[in-house]
């Protein structure tokens, strides 16, 4: 099951004032609400799943772990193994939340730097569970992290997703950056190319658990970094694709501005990111969906995502003749 990128966030103590709930499965349009930090489900939780970043982080951890064994700091690796064994099931059982990390001041400064905002276009019934597709990935999925993930990440495997969506108490939103690392290789200013046409694992997941689907598009996500030219057919793209096939991760060669100058560096450009949350698509629970049922819902999801993009693009400086390219 191809699941892109998932974070865990308690929303019950969101500082935003409560919004009226809807009846199950109903949709209510209202004036857009600009929220400063998180999408709120009253008494609920939000989670984001990380896919390609898992592979990259695992590789880094293995290198550091093995390297420390051959230094005077070998005891760190031994203690880590003990902790990992005792804690091995936590990432697949909802992760570990931290109110201390959630309220770090760094999140506010990061939000204000670009700035980053979140726009909700419809109410989400807190008695329901949701699977949200986040698009586009961008280089670092910055909008996804700041808006949805400041409580931390959970494992990107099927067991983790099942644990979250199987909870009978509603108010859980599982957010997946569907395009993953392949989409990040297309991230550059003015690009609207999504890797989605063959990504259907999150659709099957929603059907299996009867979780409503929520399309999310983050305007400006691709604008905060430039990327070294890597068009299909180039030697760089060939290398990135081979790397992705080998380790399920890759390396976008991105650049932005410097700390004290604006010509070159690794800091992102100060350009606004606006994450727009679309209206939910009601999904009936089908424990064992057929491929036809998955394909039908997938087509509807893509159509709703395109409608969301077209309805809001002019507000966020996207030219009228620009459209989503779904591959």
C-alpha atoms as a PDB file:
ATOM      1  CA  UNK A   1       0.000   0.000   0.000  1.00  0.00           C
ATOM      2  CA  UNK A   2       1.641   3.185  -1.178  1.00  0.00           C
ATOM      3  CA  UNK A   3       1.270   5.739   1.566  1.00  0.00           C
ATOM      4  CA  UNK A   4       3.211   8.886   1.040  1.00  0.00           C
ATOM      5  CA  UNK A   5       4.262  10.601   3.991  1.00  0.00           C
ATOM      6  CA  UNK A   6       2.015  10.719   9.209  1.00  0.00           C
ATOM      7  CA  UNK A   7       2.208  13.361  12.687  1.00  0.00           C
ATOM      8  CA  UNK A   8       0.394  13.276  15.785  1.00  0.00           C
ATOM      9  CA  UNK A   9      -1.240  16.242  17.381  1.00  0.00           C
ATOM     10  CA  UNK A  10      -3.702  16.664  20.239  1.00  0.00           C
ATOM     11  CA  UNK A  11      -6.244  19.265  19.197  1.00  0.00           C
ATOM     12  CA  UNK A  12      -8.477  19.386  22.229  1.00  0.00           C
ATOM     13  CA  UNK A  13      -6.502  22.216  23.743  1.00  0.00           C
ATOM     14  CA  UNK A  14      -6.245  24.252  20.532  1.00  0.00           C
ATOM     15  CA  UNK A  15      -6.255  27.949  21.447  1.00  0.00           C
ATOM     16  CA  UNK A  16      -8.698  28.698  18.632  1.00  0.00           C
ATOM     17  CA  UNK A  17     -12.343  29.150  19.690  1.00  0.00           C
ATOM     18  CA  UNK A  18     -14.570  26.087  19.116  1.00  0.00           C
ATOM     19  CA  UNK A  19     -16.391  25.875  15.798  1.00  0.00           C
ATOM     20  CA  UNK A  20     -19.899  24.400  15.504  1.00  0.00           C
ATOM     21  CA  UNK A  21     -19.952  20.751  14.498  1.00  0.00           C
ATOM     22  CA  UNK A  22     -21.874  19.281  11.595  1.00  0.00           C
ATOM     23  CA  UNK A  23     -24.101  16.267  11.487  1.00  0.00           C
ATOM     24  CA  UNK A  24     -22.297  13.125  10.429  1.00  0.00           C
ATOM     25  CA  UNK A  25     -21.622  13.126   6.713  1.00  0.00           C
ATOM     26  CA  UNK A  26     -23.073  16.570   6.069  1.00  0.00           C
ATOM     27  CA  UNK A  27     -21.193  19.470   4.537  1.00  0.00           C
ATOM     28  CA  UNK A  28     -21.552  23.097   5.463  1.00  0.00           C
ATOM     29  CA  UNK A  29     -19.898  25.885   3.517  1.00  0.00           C
ATOM     30  CA  UNK A  30     -18.933  28.989   5.429  1.00  0.00           C
ATOM     31  CA  UNK A  31     -16.614  31.966   5.295  1.00  0.00           C
ATOM     32  CA  UNK A  32     -13.016  30.796   5.341  1.00  0.00           C
ATOM     33  CA  UNK A  33     -11.402  30.784   8.768  1.00  0.00           C
ATOM     34  CA  UNK A  34      -7.707  31.585   8.974  1.00  0.00           C
ATOM     35  CA  UNK A  35      -6.195  29.525  11.774  1.00  0.00           C
ATOM     36  CA  UNK A  36      -2.711  30.256  12.989  1.00  0.00           C
ATOM     37  CA  UNK A  37      -1.467  26.853  13.997  1.00  0.00           C
ATOM     38  CA  UNK A  38      -3.652  23.794  13.555  1.00  0.00           C
ATOM     39  CA  UNK A  39      -6.751  22.266  12.050  1.00  0.00           C
ATOM     40  CA  UNK A  40      -9.120  21.713  14.943  1.00  0.00           C
ATOM     41  CA  UNK A  41     -11.358  18.747  15.641  1.00  0.00           C
ATOM     42  CA  UNK A  42     -12.968  19.309  19.019  1.00  0.00           C
ATOM     43  CA  UNK A  43     -11.670  16.697  21.431  1.00  0.00           C
ATOM     44  CA  UNK A  44      -9.879  15.012  18.564  1.00  0.00           C
ATOM     45  CA  UNK A  45      -6.402  14.315  17.337  1.00  0.00           C
ATOM     46  CA  UNK A  46      -4.401  14.990  14.208  1.00  0.00           C
ATOM     47  CA  UNK A  47      -1.664  12.784  12.897  1.00  0.00           C
ATOM     48  CA  UNK A  48       0.722  12.972   9.996  1.00  0.00           C
ATOM     49  CA  UNK A  49       2.483  10.047   8.486  1.00  0.00           C
ATOM     50  CA  UNK A  50       6.052  10.155   7.223  1.00  0.00           C
ATOM     51  CA  UNK A  51       7.039   7.709   4.490  1.00  0.00           C
ATOM     52  CA  UNK A  52      10.196   8.538   2.520  1.00  0.00           C
ATOM     53  CA  UNK A  53      11.577  10.463   5.495  1.00  0.00           C
ATOM     54  CA  UNK A  54      11.456   7.200   7.486  1.00  0.00           C
ATOM     55  CA  UNK A  55      13.834   5.543   5.045  1.00  0.00           C
ATOM     56  CA  UNK A  56      16.201   8.508   5.013  1.00  0.00           C
ATOM     57  CA  UNK A  57      16.163   8.871   8.800  1.00  0.00           C
ATOM     58  CA  UNK A  58      16.687   5.133   9.295  1.00  0.00           C
ATOM     59  CA  UNK A  59      19.771   5.235   7.105  1.00  0.00           C
ATOM     60  CA  UNK A  60      21.197   8.186   9.034  1.00  0.00           C
ATOM     61  CA  UNK A  61      20.463   6.475  12.380  1.00  0.00           C
ATOM     62  CA  UNK A  62      22.208   3.285  11.290  1.00  0.00           C
ATOM     63  CA  UNK A  63      25.319   5.192  10.197  1.00  0.00           C
ATOM     64  CA  UNK A  64      25.495   7.108  13.497  1.00  0.00           C
ATOM     65  CA  UNK A  65      24.733   3.976  15.548  1.00  0.00           C
ATOM     66  CA  UNK A  66      27.461   1.859  13.946  1.00  0.00           C
ATOM     67  CA  UNK A  67      29.943   4.740  13.938  1.00  0.00           C
ATOM     68  CA  UNK A  68      29.573   5.352  17.669  1.00  0.00           C
ATOM     69  CA  UNK A  69      30.328   1.698  18.427  1.00  0.00           C
ATOM     70  CA  UNK A  70      33.913   2.290  17.284  1.00  0.00           C
ATOM     71  CA  UNK A  71      34.451   5.361  19.419  1.00  0.00           C
ATOM     72  CA  UNK A  72      34.730   6.080  23.147  1.00  0.00           C
ATOM     73  CA  UNK A  73      31.020   6.929  23.027  1.00  0.00           C
ATOM     74  CA  UNK A  74      30.054   3.273  22.357  1.00  0.00           C
ATOM     75  CA  UNK A  75      27.886   3.229  25.495  1.00  0.00           C
ATOM     76  CA  UNK A  76      25.436   5.619  23.785  1.00  0.00           C
ATOM     77  CA  UNK A  77      24.720   2.985  21.136  1.00  0.00           C
ATOM     78  CA  UNK A  78      24.232   0.297  23.762  1.00  0.00           C
ATOM     79  CA  UNK A  79      21.808   2.432  25.771  1.00  0.00           C
ATOM     80  CA  UNK A  80      19.968   3.298  22.564  1.00  0.00           C
ATOM     81  CA  UNK A  81      19.467  -0.380  21.712  1.00  0.00           C
ATOM     82  CA  UNK A  82      18.000  -1.001  25.173  1.00  0.00           C
ATOM     83  CA  UNK A  83      15.647   1.974  24.858  1.00  0.00           C
ATOM     84  CA  UNK A  84      14.651   0.993  21.313  1.00  0.00           C
ATOM     85  CA  UNK A  85      13.732  -2.543  22.428  1.00  0.00           C
ATOM     86  CA  UNK A  86      11.593  -1.322  25.310  1.00  0.00           C
ATOM     87  CA  UNK A  87       9.900   1.334  23.168  1.00  0.00           C
ATOM     88  CA  UNK A  88       9.691  -0.533  19.851  1.00  0.00           C
ATOM     89  CA  UNK A  89       5.880  -0.674  19.612  1.00  0.00           C
ATOM     90  CA  UNK A  90       5.181   2.995  20.456  1.00  0.00           C
ATOM     91  CA  UNK A  91       5.539   4.406  16.905  1.00  0.00           C
ATOM     92  CA  UNK A  92       2.882   1.962  15.667  1.00  0.00           C
ATOM     93  CA  UNK A  93       0.505   2.705  18.532  1.00  0.00           C
ATOM     94  CA  UNK A  94      -0.045   6.426  18.161  1.00  0.00           C
ATOM     95  CA  UNK A  95       3.433   7.685  18.957  1.00  0.00           C
ATOM     96  CA  UNK A  96       4.313   9.712  22.011  1.00  0.00           C
ATOM     97  CA  UNK A  97       2.832  13.158  22.470  1.00  0.00           C
ATOM     98  CA  UNK A  98       4.627  15.983  24.213  1.00  0.00           C
ATOM     99  CA  UNK A  99       2.882  19.147  25.370  1.00  0.00           C
ATOM    100  CA  UNK A 100       6.346  20.582  25.996  1.00  0.00           C
ATOM    101  CA  UNK A 101       7.398  20.174  22.351  1.00  0.00           C
ATOM    102  CA  UNK A 102       4.033  21.316  21.048  1.00  0.00           C
ATOM    103  CA  UNK A 103       4.302  24.679  22.775  1.00  0.00           C
ATOM    104  CA  UNK A 104       7.863  25.467  21.757  1.00  0.00           C
ATOM    105  CA  UNK A 105       8.194  29.111  20.738  1.00  0.00           C
ATOM    106  CA  UNK A 106      10.144  28.053  17.633  1.00  0.00           C
ATOM    107  CA  UNK A 107       6.888  26.996  15.946  1.00  0.00           C
ATOM    108  CA  UNK A 108       5.457  30.507  16.255  1.00  0.00           C
ATOM    109  CA  UNK A 109       8.630  32.083  14.879  1.00  0.00           C
ATOM    110  CA  UNK A 110       8.682  29.592  11.997  1.00  0.00           C
ATOM    111  CA  UNK A 111       5.033  30.319  11.213  1.00  0.00           C
ATOM    112  CA  UNK A 112       5.674  34.062  11.210  1.00  0.00           C
ATOM    113  CA  UNK A 113       8.858  33.797   9.127  1.00  0.00           C
ATOM    114  CA  UNK A 114       7.120  32.880   5.866  1.00  0.00           C
ATOM    115  CA  UNK A 115       4.292  33.410   7.094  1.00  0.00           C
ATOM    116  CA  UNK A 116       2.307  30.145   7.230  1.00  0.00           C
ATOM    117  CA  UNK A 117      -1.472  30.065   7.641  1.00  0.00           C
ATOM    118  CA  UNK A 118      -4.239  27.504   7.441  1.00  0.00           C
ATOM    119  CA  UNK A 119      -7.642  28.061   5.831  1.00  0.00           C
ATOM    120  CA  UNK A 120     -10.572  25.769   6.626  1.00  0.00           C
ATOM    121  CA  UNK A 121     -13.358  25.787   4.035  1.00  0.00           C
ATOM    122  CA  UNK A 122     -15.791  23.375   5.722  1.00  0.00           C
ATOM    123  CA  UNK A 123     -16.497  21.986   9.159  1.00  0.00           C
ATOM    124  CA  UNK A 124     -15.216  18.555  10.155  1.00  0.00           C
ATOM    125  CA  UNK A 125     -17.546  16.530  12.332  1.00  0.00           C
ATOM    126  CA  UNK A 126     -15.557  15.576  15.479  1.00  0.00           C
ATOM    127  CA  UNK A 127     -17.446  12.291  15.746  1.00  0.00           C
ATOM    128  CA  UNK A 128     -15.877  11.091  12.485  1.00  0.00           C
ATOM    129  CA  UNK A 129     -12.375   9.923  11.568  1.00  0.00           C
ATOM    130  CA  UNK A 130     -10.598  11.329   8.525  1.00  0.00           C
ATOM    131  CA  UNK A 131      -7.821  10.550   6.066  1.00  0.00           C
ATOM    132  CA  UNK A 132      -6.404  13.777   4.631  1.00  0.00           C
ATOM    133  CA  UNK A 133      -4.256  13.928   1.539  1.00  0.00           C
ATOM    134  CA  UNK A 134      -1.721  16.767   1.688  1.00  0.00           C
ATOM    135  CA  UNK A 135      -0.463  18.266  -1.600  1.00  0.00           C
ATOM    136  CA  UNK A 136       2.107  19.166  -2.746  1.00  0.00           C
ATOM    137  CA  UNK A 137       5.028  17.732  -0.816  1.00  0.00           C
ATOM    138  CA  UNK A 138       7.374  20.605  -1.534  1.00  0.00           C
ATOM    139  CA  UNK A 139      11.022  20.156  -0.589  1.00  0.00           C
ATOM    140  CA  UNK A 140      10.502  19.745   3.169  1.00  0.00           C
ATOM    141  CA  UNK A 141       6.684  19.631   3.580  1.00  0.00           C
ATOM    142  CA  UNK A 142       7.015  22.788   5.675  1.00  0.00           C
ATOM    143  CA  UNK A 143       3.343  23.758   5.621  1.00  0.00           C
ATOM    144  CA  UNK A 144       2.298  20.238   6.578  1.00  0.00           C
ATOM    145  CA  UNK A 145       4.658  20.164   9.529  1.00  0.00           C
ATOM    146  CA  UNK A 146       3.897  23.592  10.999  1.00  0.00           C
ATOM    147  CA  UNK A 147       0.132  23.409  10.463  1.00  0.00           C
ATOM    148  CA  UNK A 148      -0.429  19.774  11.361  1.00  0.00           C
ATOM    149  CA  UNK A 149       2.515  18.103  13.037  1.00  0.00           C
ATOM    150  CA  UNK A 150       4.032  19.998  15.943  1.00  0.00           C
ATOM    151  CA  UNK A 151       3.215  17.160  18.355  1.00  0.00           C
ATOM    152  CA  UNK A 152       5.503  14.741  16.516  1.00  0.00           C
ATOM    153  CA  UNK A 153       5.398  11.938  13.947  1.00  0.00           C
ATOM    154  CA  UNK A 154       4.167   8.363  13.987  1.00  0.00           C
ATOM    155  CA  UNK A 155       5.322   5.352  12.009  1.00  0.00           C
ATOM    156  CA  UNK A 156       4.396   5.175   8.334  1.00  0.00           C
ATOM    157  CA  UNK A 157       3.359   1.528   8.231  1.00  0.00           C
ATOM    158  CA  UNK A 158      -0.105   0.055   7.810  1.00  0.00           C
ATOM    159  CA  UNK A 159      -0.294  -1.073  11.445  1.00  0.00           C
ATOM    160  CA  UNK A 160       0.164   2.498  12.637  1.00  0.00           C
ATOM    161  CA  UNK A 161      -2.589   3.835  10.369  1.00  0.00           C
ATOM    162  CA  UNK A 162      -4.945   1.035  11.402  1.00  0.00           C
ATOM    163  CA  UNK A 163      -4.354   1.798  15.086  1.00  0.00           C
ATOM    164  CA  UNK A 164      -5.362   5.429  14.589  1.00  0.00           C
ATOM    165  CA  UNK A 165      -8.375   4.907  12.340  1.00  0.00           C
ATOM    166  CA  UNK A 166      -9.767   1.954  14.290  1.00  0.00           C
ATOM    167  CA  UNK A 167     -10.503   4.082  17.340  1.00  0.00           C
ATOM    168  CA  UNK A 168     -14.239   4.129  17.926  1.00  0.00           C
ATOM    169  CA  UNK A 169     -14.088   7.603  19.438  1.00  0.00           C
ATOM    170  CA  UNK A 170     -13.991  10.048  16.509  1.00  0.00           C
ATOM    171  CA  UNK A 171     -11.902  13.154  16.049  1.00  0.00           C
ATOM    172  CA  UNK A 172      -8.828  11.520  14.522  1.00  0.00           C
ATOM    173  CA  UNK A 173      -7.386  12.947  11.316  1.00  0.00           C
ATOM    174  CA  UNK A 174      -4.614  11.016   9.601  1.00  0.00           C
ATOM    175  CA  UNK A 175      -2.726  13.330   7.256  1.00  0.00           C
ATOM    176  CA  UNK A 176      -0.620  11.783   4.493  1.00  0.00           C
ATOM    177  CA  UNK A 177       1.705  13.666   2.149  1.00  0.00           C
ATOM    178  CA  UNK A 178       0.737  11.431  -0.733  1.00  0.00           C
ATOM    179  CA  UNK A 179       3.367  12.403  -3.311  1.00  0.00           C
ATOM    180  CA  UNK A 180       6.305  11.541  -1.069  1.00  0.00           C
ATOM    181  CA  UNK A 181       9.897  11.872  -2.178  1.00  0.00           C
ATOM    182  CA  UNK A 182       9.109  11.487  -5.880  1.00  0.00           C
ATOM    183  CA  UNK A 183       6.981  14.614  -5.729  1.00  0.00           C
ATOM    184  CA  UNK A 184       9.645  16.524  -3.813  1.00  0.00           C
ATOM    185  CA  UNK A 185      11.950  16.128  -6.816  1.00  0.00           C
ATOM    186  CA  UNK A 186       9.499  18.288  -8.802  1.00  0.00           C
ATOM    187  CA  UNK A 187       9.276  21.016  -6.148  1.00  0.00           C
ATOM    188  CA  UNK A 188      10.317  24.424  -7.439  1.00  0.00           C
ATOM    189  CA  UNK A 189       8.632  27.844  -7.668  1.00  0.00           C
ATOM    190  CA  UNK A 190       5.667  27.865 -10.024  1.00  0.00           C
ATOM    191  CA  UNK A 191       5.434  24.053 -10.281  1.00  0.00           C
ATOM    192  CA  UNK A 192       2.081  22.318  -9.780  1.00  0.00           C
ATOM    193  CA  UNK A 193       2.958  18.742 -10.680  1.00  0.00           C
ATOM    194  CA  UNK A 194       1.562  16.105  -8.313  1.00  0.00           C
ATOM    195  CA  UNK A 195       2.429  12.415  -8.019  1.00  0.00           C
ATOM    196  CA  UNK A 196      -1.061  11.060  -7.392  1.00  0.00           C
ATOM    197  CA  UNK A 197      -2.548   9.134 -10.320  1.00  0.00           C
ATOM    198  CA  UNK A 198      -1.220   5.763  -9.147  1.00  0.00           C
ATOM    199  CA  UNK A 199      -1.186   6.517  -5.414  1.00  0.00           C
ATOM    200  CA  UNK A 200      -4.276   4.665  -4.190  1.00  0.00           C
ATOM    201  CA  UNK A 201      -3.184   3.142  -0.886  1.00  0.00           C
ATOM    202  CA  UNK A 202      -4.655   5.996   1.140  1.00  0.00           C
ATOM    203  CA  UNK A 203      -7.967   5.571  -0.727  1.00  0.00           C
ATOM    204  CA  UNK A 204      -8.136   1.885   0.170  1.00  0.00           C
ATOM    205  CA  UNK A 205      -7.249   2.802   3.752  1.00  0.00           C
ATOM    206  CA  UNK A 206     -10.157   5.263   3.945  1.00  0.00           C
ATOM    207  CA  UNK A 207     -12.606   2.712   2.513  1.00  0.00           C
ATOM    208  CA  UNK A 208     -11.437  -0.064   4.817  1.00  0.00           C
ATOM    209  CA  UNK A 209     -12.045   2.052   7.928  1.00  0.00           C
ATOM    210  CA  UNK A 210     -14.924   4.198   6.689  1.00  0.00           C
ATOM    211  CA  UNK A 211     -12.867   7.369   7.228  1.00  0.00           C
ATOM    212  CA  UNK A 212     -13.928  10.444   5.254  1.00  0.00           C
ATOM    213  CA  UNK A 213     -11.378  11.824   2.792  1.00  0.00           C
ATOM    214  CA  UNK A 214     -10.171  15.426   3.052  1.00  0.00           C
ATOM    215  CA  UNK A 215      -8.182  17.023   0.196  1.00  0.00           C
ATOM    216  CA  UNK A 216      -5.630  19.635   1.289  1.00  0.00           C
ATOM    217  CA  UNK A 217      -3.655  21.908  -1.013  1.00  0.00           C
ATOM    218  CA  UNK A 218      -0.839  24.080   0.318  1.00  0.00           C
ATOM    219  CA  UNK A 219      -0.333  27.139  -1.887  1.00  0.00           C
ATOM    220  CA  UNK A 220       3.243  28.400  -1.833  1.00  0.00           C
ATOM    221  CA  UNK A 221       4.689  25.082  -0.626  1.00  0.00           C
ATOM    222  CA  UNK A 222       6.861  24.775  -3.735  1.00  0.00           C
ATOM    223  CA  UNK A 223       7.945  28.426  -3.706  1.00  0.00           C
ATOM    224  CA  UNK A 224      10.255  28.513  -0.690  1.00  0.00           C
ATOM    225  CA  UNK A 225      13.202  26.741  -2.358  1.00  0.00           C
ATOM    226  CA  UNK A 226      14.773  26.549  -5.790  1.00  0.00           C
ATOM    227  CA  UNK A 227      16.144  23.234  -6.983  1.00  0.00           C
ATOM    228  CA  UNK A 228      19.038  22.276  -9.238  1.00  0.00           C
ATOM    229  CA  UNK A 229      17.697  21.422 -12.697  1.00  0.00           C
ATOM    230  CA  UNK A 230      16.707  17.741 -12.661  1.00  0.00           C
ATOM    231  CA  UNK A 231      14.220  17.338 -15.468  1.00  0.00           C
ATOM    232  CA  UNK A 232      13.346  13.742 -16.504  1.00  0.00           C
ATOM    233  CA  UNK A 233      16.156  12.339 -18.643  1.00  0.00           C
ATOM    234  CA  UNK A 234      18.901  14.363 -16.956  1.00  0.00           C
ATOM    235  CA  UNK A 235      21.783  12.567 -15.255  1.00  0.00           C
ATOM    236  CA  UNK A 236      20.785  14.046 -11.891  1.00  0.00           C
ATOM    237  CA  UNK A 237      17.214  12.776 -12.148  1.00  0.00           C
ATOM    238  CA  UNK A 238      18.512   9.363 -13.215  1.00  0.00           C
ATOM    239  CA  UNK A 239      20.665   9.226 -10.083  1.00  0.00           C
ATOM    240  CA  UNK A 240      17.824  10.441  -7.828  1.00  0.00           C
ATOM    241  CA  UNK A 241      15.425   7.852  -9.250  1.00  0.00           C
ATOM    242  CA  UNK A 242      17.963   5.032  -8.801  1.00  0.00           C
ATOM    243  CA  UNK A 243      18.583   6.134  -5.237  1.00  0.00           C
ATOM    244  CA  UNK A 244      14.853   6.133  -4.553  1.00  0.00           C
ATOM    245  CA  UNK A 245      14.474   2.597  -5.875  1.00  0.00           C
ATOM    246  CA  UNK A 246      17.397   1.413  -3.739  1.00  0.00           C
ATOM    247  CA  UNK A 247      16.653   2.981  -0.343  1.00  0.00           C
ATOM    248  CA  UNK A 248      13.088   4.343  -0.721  1.00  0.00           C
ATOM    249  CA  UNK A 249      14.448   7.844  -0.297  1.00  0.00           C
ATOM    250  CA  UNK A 250      16.216  10.455  -2.387  1.00  0.00           C
ATOM    251  CA  UNK A 251      17.949  13.820  -2.148  1.00  0.00           C
ATOM    252  CA  UNK A 252      16.476  16.953  -3.748  1.00  0.00           C
ATOM    253  CA  UNK A 253      19.359  19.349  -4.431  1.00  0.00           C
ATOM    254  CA  UNK A 254      17.655  22.496  -3.199  1.00  0.00           C
ATOM    255  CA  UNK A 255      18.866  25.954  -2.319  1.00  0.00           C
ATOM    256  CA  UNK A 256      17.398  29.196  -1.063  1.00  0.00           C
ATOM    257  CA  UNK A 257      18.806  32.285   0.602  1.00  0.00           C
ATOM    258  CA  UNK A 258      21.528  32.883   3.144  1.00  0.00           C
ATOM    259  CA  UNK A 259      21.293  34.268   6.657  1.00  0.00           C
ATOM    260  CA  UNK A 260      22.786  37.676   5.848  1.00  0.00           C
ATOM    261  CA  UNK A 261      22.356  37.721   2.065  1.00  0.00           C
ATOM    262  CA  UNK A 262      19.658  36.715  -0.394  1.00  0.00           C
ATOM    263  CA  UNK A 263      21.600  35.244  -3.304  1.00  0.00           C
ATOM    264  CA  UNK A 264      22.359  31.704  -2.093  1.00  0.00           C
ATOM    265  CA  UNK A 265      22.035  29.517   0.991  1.00  0.00           C
ATOM    266  CA  UNK A 266      19.993  26.783   2.629  1.00  0.00           C
ATOM    267  CA  UNK A 267      17.481  28.984   4.398  1.00  0.00           C
ATOM    268  CA  UNK A 268      14.049  29.034   2.727  1.00  0.00           C
ATOM    269  CA  UNK A 269      12.812  32.157   0.994  1.00  0.00           C
ATOM    270  CA  UNK A 270      10.337  34.255   2.981  1.00  0.00           C
ATOM    271  CA  UNK A 271       7.296  33.530   0.849  1.00  0.00           C
ATOM    272  CA  UNK A 272       3.785  32.888   2.203  1.00  0.00           C
ATOM    273  CA  UNK A 273       2.418  29.357   2.530  1.00  0.00           C
ATOM    274  CA  UNK A 274      -1.355  28.997   2.784  1.00  0.00           C
ATOM    275  CA  UNK A 275      -2.674  25.516   3.469  1.00  0.00           C
ATOM    276  CA  UNK A 276      -6.290  25.226   2.299  1.00  0.00           C
ATOM    277  CA  UNK A 277      -8.353  22.378   3.763  1.00  0.00           C
ATOM    278  CA  UNK A 278     -11.163  21.233   1.466  1.00  0.00           C
ATOM    279  CA  UNK A 279     -14.568  19.839   2.326  1.00  0.00           C
ATOM    280  CA  UNK A 280     -14.623  16.175   3.368  1.00  0.00           C
ATOM    281  CA  UNK A 281     -15.735  13.437   0.999  1.00  0.00           C
ATOM    282  CA  UNK A 282     -18.079  11.054   2.780  1.00  0.00           C
ATOM    283  CA  UNK A 283     -16.815   7.460   2.667  1.00  0.00           C
ATOM    284  CA  UNK A 284     -18.859   4.389   3.530  1.00  0.00           C
ATOM    285  CA  UNK A 285     -16.976   1.611   5.307  1.00  0.00           C
ATOM    286  CA  UNK A 286     -16.115  -1.341   3.049  1.00  0.00           C
ATOM    287  CA  UNK A 287     -13.824  -3.771   4.934  1.00  0.00           C
ATOM    288  CA  UNK A 288     -12.601  -5.399   1.716  1.00  0.00           C
ATOM    289  CA  UNK A 289     -13.016  -2.881  -1.128  1.00  0.00           C
ATOM    290  CA  UNK A 290     -12.700  -4.045  -4.708  1.00  0.00           C
ATOM    291  CA  UNK A 291     -10.288  -2.402  -7.111  1.00  0.00           C
ATOM    292  CA  UNK A 292     -13.241  -0.865  -8.926  1.00  0.00           C
ATOM    293  CA  UNK A 293     -14.468   0.758  -5.702  1.00  0.00           C
ATOM    294  CA  UNK A 294     -10.984   2.079  -4.957  1.00  0.00           C
ATOM    295  CA  UNK A 295     -10.619   3.475  -8.481  1.00  0.00           C
ATOM    296  CA  UNK A 296     -14.025   5.163  -8.356  1.00  0.00           C
ATOM    297  CA  UNK A 297     -13.285   6.939  -5.084  1.00  0.00           C
ATOM    298  CA  UNK A 298      -9.796   7.832  -6.273  1.00  0.00           C
ATOM    299  CA  UNK A 299     -11.232   9.543  -9.345  1.00  0.00           C
ATOM    300  CA  UNK A 300     -13.640  11.508  -7.192  1.00  0.00           C
ATOM    301  CA  UNK A 301     -10.824  12.531  -4.843  1.00  0.00           C
ATOM    302  CA  UNK A 302      -8.686  13.826  -7.710  1.00  0.00           C
ATOM    303  CA  UNK A 303     -11.642  15.794  -9.056  1.00  0.00           C
ATOM    304  CA  UNK A 304     -12.332  17.377  -5.648  1.00  0.00           C
ATOM    305  CA  UNK A 305      -8.646  18.268  -5.276  1.00  0.00           C
ATOM    306  CA  UNK A 306      -8.627  19.929  -8.708  1.00  0.00           C
ATOM    307  CA  UNK A 307     -11.779  21.857  -7.788  1.00  0.00           C
ATOM    308  CA  UNK A 308     -10.160  23.020  -4.551  1.00  0.00           C
ATOM    309  CA  UNK A 309      -7.108  24.256  -6.449  1.00  0.00           C
ATOM    310  CA  UNK A 310      -9.135  26.050  -9.115  1.00  0.00           C
ATOM    311  CA  UNK A 311     -11.442  27.696  -6.562  1.00  0.00           C
ATOM    312  CA  UNK A 312      -8.606  29.268  -4.581  1.00  0.00           C
ATOM    313  CA  UNK A 313      -5.637  29.692  -6.922  1.00  0.00           C
ATOM    314  CA  UNK A 314      -6.299  33.330  -7.876  1.00  0.00           C
ATOM    315  CA  UNK A 315      -6.304  34.357  -4.202  1.00  0.00           C
ATOM    316  CA  UNK A 316      -2.775  33.041  -3.799  1.00  0.00           C
ATOM    317  CA  UNK A 317      -1.162  34.488  -6.935  1.00  0.00           C
ATOM    318  CA  UNK A 318      -1.423  31.438  -9.166  1.00  0.00           C
ATOM    319  CA  UNK A 319      -1.982  32.525 -12.788  1.00  0.00           C
ATOM    320  CA  UNK A 320      -5.429  31.826 -14.210  1.00  0.00           C
ATOM    321  CA  UNK A 321      -4.004  29.597 -16.956  1.00  0.00           C
ATOM    322  CA  UNK A 322      -2.100  27.364 -14.500  1.00  0.00           C
ATOM    323  CA  UNK A 323      -3.674  24.010 -13.656  1.00  0.00           C
ATOM    324  CA  UNK A 324      -2.701  20.962 -11.659  1.00  0.00           C
ATOM    325  CA  UNK A 325      -0.654  18.369 -13.532  1.00  0.00           C
ATOM    326  CA  UNK A 326      -1.404  14.962 -12.033  1.00  0.00           C
ATOM    327  CA  UNK A 327       0.954  12.146 -12.954  1.00  0.00           C
END
